C-alpha atoms as a PDB file:
ATOM      1  CA  UNK A   1       5.179  15.374   7.852  1.00  0.00           C
ATOM      2  CA  UNK A   2       3.107  15.341   4.707  1.00  0.00           C
ATOM      3  CA  UNK A   3      -0.129  13.522   3.991  1.00  0.00           C
ATOM      4  CA  UNK A   4       0.008  10.672   1.489  1.00  0.00           C
ATOM      5  CA  UNK A   5      -2.394   8.237  -0.114  1.00  0.00           C
ATOM      6  CA  UNK A   6      -1.130   4.878  -1.356  1.00  0.00           C
ATOM      7  CA  UNK A   7      -2.942   2.184  -3.251  1.00  0.00           C
ATOM      8  CA  UNK A   8      -1.245  -1.167  -3.287  1.00  0.00           C
ATOM      9  CA  UNK A   9      -2.282  -4.495  -4.788  1.00  0.00           C
ATOM     10  CA  UNK A  10      -1.467  -7.833  -3.145  1.00  0.00           C
ATOM     11  CA  UNK A  11      -1.400 -11.214  -4.868  1.00  0.00           C
ATOM     12  CA  UNK A  12      -4.760 -12.960  -4.989  1.00  0.00           C
ATOM     13  CA  UNK A  13      -3.147 -16.271  -3.964  1.00  0.00           C
ATOM     14  CA  UNK A  14      -2.661 -15.052  -0.375  1.00  0.00           C
ATOM     15  CA  UNK A  15      -5.027 -16.523   2.200  1.00  0.00           C
ATOM     16  CA  UNK A  16      -6.771 -14.197   4.678  1.00  0.00           C
ATOM     17  CA  UNK A  17      -4.180 -14.690   7.438  1.00  0.00           C
ATOM     18  CA  UNK A  18      -1.243 -14.042   5.102  1.00  0.00           C
ATOM     19  CA  UNK A  19      -2.966 -10.999   3.598  1.00  0.00           C
ATOM     20  CA  UNK A  20      -3.713  -9.532   7.044  1.00  0.00           C
ATOM     21  CA  UNK A  21      -0.151 -10.223   8.208  1.00  0.00           C
ATOM     22  CA  UNK A  22       1.370  -8.588   5.134  1.00  0.00           C
ATOM     23  CA  UNK A  23      -0.883  -5.543   5.485  1.00  0.00           C
ATOM     24  CA  UNK A  24       0.141  -5.216   9.137  1.00  0.00           C
ATOM     25  CA  UNK A  25       3.806  -5.545   8.161  1.00  0.00           C
ATOM     26  CA  UNK A  26       3.514  -2.861   5.474  1.00  0.00           C
ATOM     27  CA  UNK A  27       1.648  -0.480   7.764  1.00  0.00           C
ATOM     28  CA  UNK A  28       4.274  -1.020  10.481  1.00  0.00           C
ATOM     29  CA  UNK A  29       6.911   0.427   8.138  1.00  0.00           C
ATOM     30  CA  UNK A  30       5.056   3.739   8.285  1.00  0.00           C
ATOM     31  CA  UNK A  31       4.398   3.722  12.024  1.00  0.00           C
ATOM     32  CA  UNK A  32       7.985   2.649  12.815  1.00  0.00           C
ATOM     33  CA  UNK A  33       9.198   5.820  11.085  1.00  0.00           C
ATOM     34  CA  UNK A  34       7.001   8.055  13.241  1.00  0.00           C
ATOM     35  CA  UNK A  35       4.103   8.107  10.797  1.00  0.00           C
ATOM     36  CA  UNK A  36       0.415   7.893  11.510  1.00  0.00           C
ATOM     37  CA  UNK A  37      -2.118   5.881   9.495  1.00  0.00           C
ATOM     38  CA  UNK A  38      -5.449   7.715   9.408  1.00  0.00           C
ATOM     39  CA  UNK A  39      -7.504   5.390   7.209  1.00  0.00           C
ATOM     40  CA  UNK A  40      -7.243   1.896   5.709  1.00  0.00           C
ATOM     41  CA  UNK A  41      -9.727   1.070   2.969  1.00  0.00           C
ATOM     42  CA  UNK A  42      -9.637  -2.625   1.959  1.00  0.00           C
ATOM     43  CA  UNK A  43     -11.330  -2.873  -1.439  1.00  0.00           C
ATOM     44  CA  UNK A  44     -11.004  -6.650  -1.502  1.00  0.00           C
ATOM     45  CA  UNK A  45     -10.409  -8.919  -4.465  1.00  0.00           C
ATOM     46  CA  UNK A  46     -10.855  -7.205  -7.839  1.00  0.00           C
ATOM     47  CA  UNK A  47     -10.211  -8.034 -11.472  1.00  0.00           C
ATOM     48  CA  UNK A  48      -7.321  -6.345 -13.243  1.00  0.00           C
ATOM     49  CA  UNK A  49      -7.977  -4.347 -16.400  1.00  0.00           C
ATOM     50  CA  UNK A  50      -5.125  -6.339 -17.978  1.00  0.00           C
ATOM     51  CA  UNK A  51      -2.941  -9.311 -17.053  1.00  0.00           C
ATOM     52  CA  UNK A  52      -0.003  -8.618 -14.769  1.00  0.00           C
ATOM     53  CA  UNK A  53       2.584 -11.420 -14.680  1.00  0.00           C
ATOM     54  CA  UNK A  54      -0.112 -13.983 -15.628  1.00  0.00           C
ATOM     55  CA  UNK A  55      -2.410 -12.736 -12.834  1.00  0.00           C
ATOM     56  CA  UNK A  56      -5.925 -11.483 -13.471  1.00  0.00           C
ATOM     57  CA  UNK A  57      -6.975 -10.543  -9.887  1.00  0.00           C
ATOM     58  CA  UNK A  58      -5.527  -8.934  -6.793  1.00  0.00           C
ATOM     59  CA  UNK A  59      -6.395  -7.526  -3.370  1.00  0.00           C
ATOM     60  CA  UNK A  60      -6.642  -3.728  -3.518  1.00  0.00           C
ATOM     61  CA  UNK A  61      -5.890  -1.638  -0.419  1.00  0.00           C
ATOM     62  CA  UNK A  62      -5.875   2.162  -0.095  1.00  0.00           C
ATOM     63  CA  UNK A  63      -4.248   3.844   2.926  1.00  0.00           C
ATOM     64  CA  UNK A  64      -4.172   7.498   3.979  1.00  0.00           C
ATOM     65  CA  UNK A  65      -1.299   8.446   6.251  1.00  0.00           C
ATOM     66  CA  UNK A  66       1.259  11.034   7.253  1.00  0.00           C
ATOM     67  CA  UNK A  67       4.951  10.220   7.418  1.00  0.00           C
ATOM     68  CA  UNK A  68       8.361  11.825   6.907  1.00  0.00           C
ATOM     69  CA  UNK A  69      10.329  11.407   3.679  1.00  0.00           C
ATOM     70  CA  UNK A  70      12.558   8.680   5.104  1.00  0.00           C
ATOM     71  CA  UNK A  71       9.516   6.581   6.066  1.00  0.00           C
ATOM     72  CA  UNK A  72       7.924   7.082   2.648  1.00  0.00           C
ATOM     73  CA  UNK A  73      11.134   6.056   0.871  1.00  0.00           C
ATOM     74  CA  UNK A  74      11.490   2.954   3.056  1.00  0.00           C
ATOM     75  CA  UNK A  75       7.856   1.976   2.445  1.00  0.00           C
ATOM     76  CA  UNK A  76       8.381   2.395  -1.304  1.00  0.00           C
ATOM     77  CA  UNK A  77      11.646   0.396  -1.253  1.00  0.00           C
ATOM     78  CA  UNK A  78      10.225  -2.513   0.739  1.00  0.00           C
ATOM     79  CA  UNK A  79       7.015  -2.781  -1.284  1.00  0.00           C
ATOM     80  CA  UNK A  80       9.034  -2.898  -4.509  1.00  0.00           C
ATOM     81  CA  UNK A  81      11.101  -5.875  -3.344  1.00  0.00           C
ATOM     82  CA  UNK A  82       8.235  -7.807  -1.728  1.00  0.00           C
ATOM     83  CA  UNK A  83       7.109 -10.559  -4.119  1.00  0.00           C
ATOM     84  CA  UNK A  84       3.549 -10.517  -2.716  1.00  0.00           C
ATOM     85  CA  UNK A  85       3.012  -6.855  -3.612  1.00  0.00           C
ATOM     86  CA  UNK A  86       1.960  -6.619  -7.270  1.00  0.00           C
ATOM     87  CA  UNK A  87       1.801  -2.822  -7.696  1.00  0.00           C
ATOM     88  CA  UNK A  88       1.868   0.387  -5.647  1.00  0.00           C
ATOM     89  CA  UNK A  89       1.002   3.981  -6.382  1.00  0.00           C
ATOM     90  CA  UNK A  90       1.505   6.867  -3.967  1.00  0.00           C
ATOM     91  CA  UNK A  91       0.317  10.432  -4.269  1.00  0.00           C
ATOM     92  CA  UNK A  92       0.871  13.370  -1.958  1.00  0.00           C
ATOM     93  CA  UNK A  93      -2.564  14.106  -0.530  1.00  0.00           C
ATOM     94  CA  UNK A  94      -1.467  17.654   0.360  1.00  0.00           C
ATOM     95  CA  UNK A  95      -0.987  18.379  -3.355  1.00  0.00           C
ATOM     96  CA  UNK A  96      -4.256  16.612  -4.198  1.00  0.00           C
ATOM     97  CA  UNK A  97      -6.113  19.073  -1.961  1.00  0.00           C
ATOM     98  CA  UNK A  98      -4.369  22.015  -3.582  1.00  0.00           C
ATOM     99  CA  UNK A  99      -2.136  22.949  -0.614  1.00  0.00           C
END
């Protein structure tokens, strides 16, 4: 399993309970595929640099985890079709460290 870092942005219209539930649901995708989440960094509500679909703010979350390719692909697929996820970006943390 490789190490990954993903930043995702959730809609600012979500209340705290919905946001927490969605984060738990997204993280469960990784753990259900045998992955392990090492760190969750909730940056909170932040302004966008530019408008995205008439939105100016969103909840930023950064997670560090290890998972197999199937789990990563499923996480990517499900975040793309979830209407409450505005954007995602994933990098391979192994490559970031120069390994």
